[in-house]
Amino acid sequence: MNMEAIFQEMPTLSSESLTLKKITEQDLDAVFAIYDNERIFDFCGIIPKHNKETVRKMIGHFERDFLKRTRVKWGIFQQNELVGIIEALDFNQKVNMVTVGYLINESYWGKGIATEAVRVLIEFLFEKADINRIQAEVMPQNENSKRVLLKNGFSKEGLLRQATLWSGKGIVDIELYGLLKADIYS
């Protein structure tokens, strides 16, 4: 795992239609629009945030977590508008593995943005950061998120029953999806 490729400076990643880059306080309104929407968090272990000042502080926490080398949150930008957030977290250097997650503004659901953003992140993690395994945890009811992962080559590896405590949800079942570098670059 090449931690320097990830944490030396905030990587900016891009495709033809999306840019994944650092979230700044200038993005506060767009970030708040995501965190203030209850529906976005129906299948997520995060409690929505209805206070703009709380979200402003969270943006500062994104930077703190990056500097601590524990998590990277990118804004997903389409034509300079923040339409979602994607992250890499739980860097396990012993087995060369990372977990990913994403949130898309409800106005942009069903447009392929999450699928494309995950593809861009996968390419970076495998090619530049030399990660071997990428995984994602999904609530069994979250069909849309599962489709995003399957379209990107992930395999459903199993159901972990009553395995995780998620804020606002209690103890939940999660499905584990995984993708190995060899699955793509064999």
Protein backbone atom coordinates (compact mmCIF):
# COMPACT_ATOMS: atom_id res chain seq x y z
CA MET A 1 0.00 0.00 0.00
CA ASN A 2 1.42 3.32 -1.06
CA MET A 3 0.20 5.63 1.72
CA GLU A 4 2.17 8.54 0.25
CA ALA A 5 0.13 8.39 -2.97
CA ILE A 6 -2.97 8.79 -0.83
CA PHE A 7 -1.86 11.17 1.91
CA GLN A 8 1.12 13.20 0.69
CA GLU A 9 -1.33 15.74 -0.68
CA MET A 10 -5.05 15.49 -1.31
CA PRO A 11 -5.37 13.63 -4.61
CA THR A 12 -7.65 15.07 -7.28
CA LEU A 13 -9.14 12.33 -9.44
CA SER A 14 -11.17 12.74 -12.60
CA SER A 15 -13.05 11.12 -15.45
CA GLU A 16 -14.65 12.67 -18.50
CA SER A 17 -17.62 14.00 -16.53
CA LEU A 18 -16.62 13.93 -12.84
CA THR A 19 -13.89 15.35 -10.64
CA LEU A 20 -13.20 13.96 -7.17
CA LYS A 21 -11.47 16.61 -5.11
CA LYS A 22 -11.12 18.18 -1.68
CA ILE A 23 -14.26 19.52 -0.04
CA THR A 24 -13.81 23.07 1.27
CA GLU A 25 -15.97 25.48 3.22
CA GLN A 26 -17.02 27.00 -0.11
CA ASP A 27 -18.94 23.74 -0.66
CA LEU A 28 -20.90 24.12 2.59
CA ASP A 29 -24.33 24.61 1.01
CA ALA A 30 -23.96 21.56 -1.23
CA VAL A 31 -22.60 19.39 1.61
CA PHE A 32 -25.42 20.56 3.87
CA ALA A 33 -27.98 19.67 1.16
CA ILE A 34 -26.70 16.08 1.34
CA TYR A 35 -26.43 15.74 5.12
CA ASP A 36 -29.78 17.47 5.73
CA ASN A 37 -31.72 14.96 3.58
CA GLU A 38 -33.19 12.07 5.61
CA ARG A 39 -33.71 9.84 2.56
CA ILE A 40 -29.99 9.79 1.72
CA PHE A 41 -29.33 8.18 5.11
CA ASP A 42 -32.09 5.53 5.02
CA PHE A 43 -29.47 2.81 4.47
CA CYS A 44 -26.48 4.43 6.10
CA GLY A 45 -24.85 4.34 9.51
CA ILE A 46 -24.80 8.13 9.74
CA ILE A 47 -27.43 10.34 11.33
CA PRO A 48 -28.52 13.26 9.10
CA LYS A 49 -27.34 16.69 10.18
CA HIS A 50 -29.92 19.48 10.20
CA ASN A 51 -27.67 22.25 11.51
CA LYS A 52 -25.49 24.05 8.98
CA GLU A 53 -22.89 24.95 11.62
CA THR A 54 -22.50 21.25 12.48
CA VAL A 55 -21.86 20.50 8.80
CA ARG A 56 -19.34 23.36 8.64
CA LYS A 57 -17.43 21.71 11.51
CA MET A 58 -17.64 18.35 9.72
CA ILE A 59 -15.84 19.82 6.72
CA GLY A 60 -13.02 20.73 9.10
CA HIS A 61 -13.08 17.13 10.37
CA PHE A 62 -12.61 15.90 6.79
CA GLU A 63 -9.30 17.78 6.73
CA ARG A 64 -8.35 16.56 10.23
CA ASP A 65 -8.98 12.92 9.30
CA PHE A 66 -6.93 13.33 6.12
CA LEU A 67 -4.00 14.81 8.06
CA LYS A 68 -4.27 11.94 10.57
CA ARG A 69 -4.17 9.53 7.60
CA THR A 70 -7.35 7.74 8.69
CA ARG A 71 -9.87 8.71 6.02
CA VAL A 72 -10.13 10.56 2.72
CA LYS A 73 -13.39 12.24 1.70
CA TRP A 74 -13.65 13.62 -1.79
CA GLY A 75 -16.41 15.80 -3.12
CA ILE A 76 -17.87 14.39 -6.31
CA PHE A 77 -18.11 17.35 -8.66
CA GLN A 78 -19.97 17.46 -11.95
CA GLN A 79 -19.33 20.67 -13.88
CA ASN A 80 -17.96 22.34 -10.72
CA GLU A 81 -21.07 21.46 -8.70
CA LEU A 82 -20.73 19.15 -5.68
CA VAL A 83 -23.22 16.33 -6.27
CA GLY A 84 -21.94 13.73 -3.82
CA ILE A 85 -19.24 12.54 -1.46
CA ILE A 86 -17.04 9.45 -1.75
CA GLU A 87 -14.57 8.19 0.82
CA ALA A 88 -11.83 5.70 1.52
CA LEU A 89 -11.42 4.64 5.14
CA ASP A 90 -10.22 1.83 7.40
CA PHE A 91 -6.82 1.53 5.74
CA ASN A 92 -5.52 -1.90 6.76
CA GLN A 93 -1.87 -1.98 5.75
CA LYS A 94 -1.31 -5.51 7.08
CA VAL A 95 -3.59 -6.99 4.41
CA ASN A 96 -3.42 -4.05 1.98
CA MET A 97 -7.15 -3.32 2.13
CA VAL A 98 -9.43 -0.29 2.28
CA THR A 99 -13.17 0.29 2.68
CA VAL A 100 -15.10 2.71 0.48
CA GLY A 101 -18.43 4.49 0.85
CA TYR A 102 -20.41 7.16 -0.98
CA LEU A 103 -23.39 9.52 -0.72
CA ILE A 104 -25.12 11.17 -3.67
CA ASN A 105 -27.41 14.21 -3.50
CA GLU A 106 -30.93 12.87 -4.06
CA SER A 107 -31.42 15.19 -7.06
CA TYR A 108 -28.71 13.19 -8.85
CA TRP A 109 -29.85 9.65 -8.05
CA GLY A 110 -30.18 7.28 -10.99
CA LYS A 111 -27.76 9.18 -13.25
CA GLY A 112 -24.76 6.83 -12.94
CA ILE A 113 -22.75 9.28 -10.82
CA ALA A 114 -22.03 6.87 -7.97
CA THR A 115 -21.05 4.13 -10.42
CA GLU A 116 -18.63 6.44 -12.23
CA ALA A 117 -17.19 7.90 -9.02
CA VAL A 118 -16.55 4.43 -7.61
CA ARG A 119 -14.84 3.44 -10.88
CA VAL A 120 -12.55 6.48 -10.68
CA LEU A 121 -11.70 5.73 -7.05
CA ILE A 122 -11.02 2.05 -7.80
CA GLU A 123 -8.57 2.99 -10.56
CA PHE A 124 -6.71 5.32 -8.20
CA LEU A 125 -6.62 2.86 -5.31
CA PHE A 126 -5.38 -0.05 -7.44
CA GLU A 127 -3.07 1.78 -9.83
CA LYS A 128 -1.59 4.63 -7.77
CA ALA A 129 -2.03 3.54 -4.15
CA ASP A 130 -1.26 -0.13 -4.87
CA ILE A 131 -4.16 -1.39 -2.78
CA ASN A 132 -4.92 -5.11 -3.16
CA ARG A 133 -8.49 -5.28 -1.78
CA ILE A 134 -11.33 -2.77 -1.74
CA GLN A 135 -14.49 -3.52 0.18
CA ALA A 136 -17.83 -1.93 0.96
CA GLU A 137 -20.49 -2.63 3.58
CA VAL A 138 -24.11 -2.28 2.46
CA MET A 139 -27.42 -2.72 4.25
CA PRO A 140 -29.28 -5.60 2.55
CA GLN A 141 -32.20 -3.31 1.61
CA ASN A 142 -29.96 -0.87 -0.29
CA GLU A 143 -30.46 -2.26 -3.80
CA ASN A 144 -29.14 0.88 -5.53
CA SER A 145 -25.81 0.78 -3.73
CA LYS A 146 -25.43 -2.93 -4.43
CA ARG A 147 -25.95 -2.24 -8.16
CA VAL A 148 -23.22 0.42 -8.08
CA LEU A 149 -20.77 -2.08 -6.61
CA LEU A 150 -21.72 -4.96 -8.92
CA LYS A 151 -21.38 -2.71 -11.99
CA ASN A 152 -17.83 -1.99 -10.83
CA GLY A 153 -16.89 -5.66 -10.54
CA PHE A 154 -17.37 -6.17 -6.81
CA SER A 155 -18.58 -9.57 -5.61
CA LYS A 156 -21.05 -10.10 -2.82
CA GLU A 157 -19.01 -12.02 -0.28
CA GLY A 158 -21.66 -12.63 2.30
CA LEU A 159 -24.17 -11.43 4.84
CA LEU A 160 -22.88 -10.50 8.27
CA ARG A 161 -25.88 -10.91 10.56
CA GLN A 162 -26.32 -8.37 13.36
CA ALA A 163 -22.67 -7.45 12.85
CA THR A 164 -22.51 -3.68 13.05
CA LEU A 165 -23.84 -0.91 15.24
CA TRP A 166 -24.90 1.95 12.98
CA SER A 167 -25.92 5.31 14.39
CA GLY A 168 -29.66 5.77 14.22
CA LYS A 169 -30.18 2.17 13.10
CA GLY A 170 -28.96 0.08 16.03
CA ILE A 171 -27.43 -3.31 15.36
CA VAL A 172 -27.85 -4.15 11.68
CA ASP A 173 -27.10 -6.84 9.15
CA ILE A 174 -24.66 -5.82 6.46
CA GLU A 175 -23.69 -7.37 3.17
CA LEU A 176 -19.99 -7.33 2.42
CA TYR A 177 -18.82 -6.65 -1.12
CA GLY A 178 -15.18 -7.03 -2.16
CA LEU A 179 -12.98 -6.39 -5.16
CA LEU A 180 -9.40 -7.62 -5.57
CA LYS A 181 -6.83 -6.02 -7.80
CA ALA A 182 -6.45 -9.44 -9.53
CA ASP A 183 -10.18 -9.36 -10.38
CA ILE A 184 -9.48 -6.46 -12.76
CA TYR A 185 -5.78 -6.73 -13.61
CA SER A 186 -5.31 -10.47 -14.05
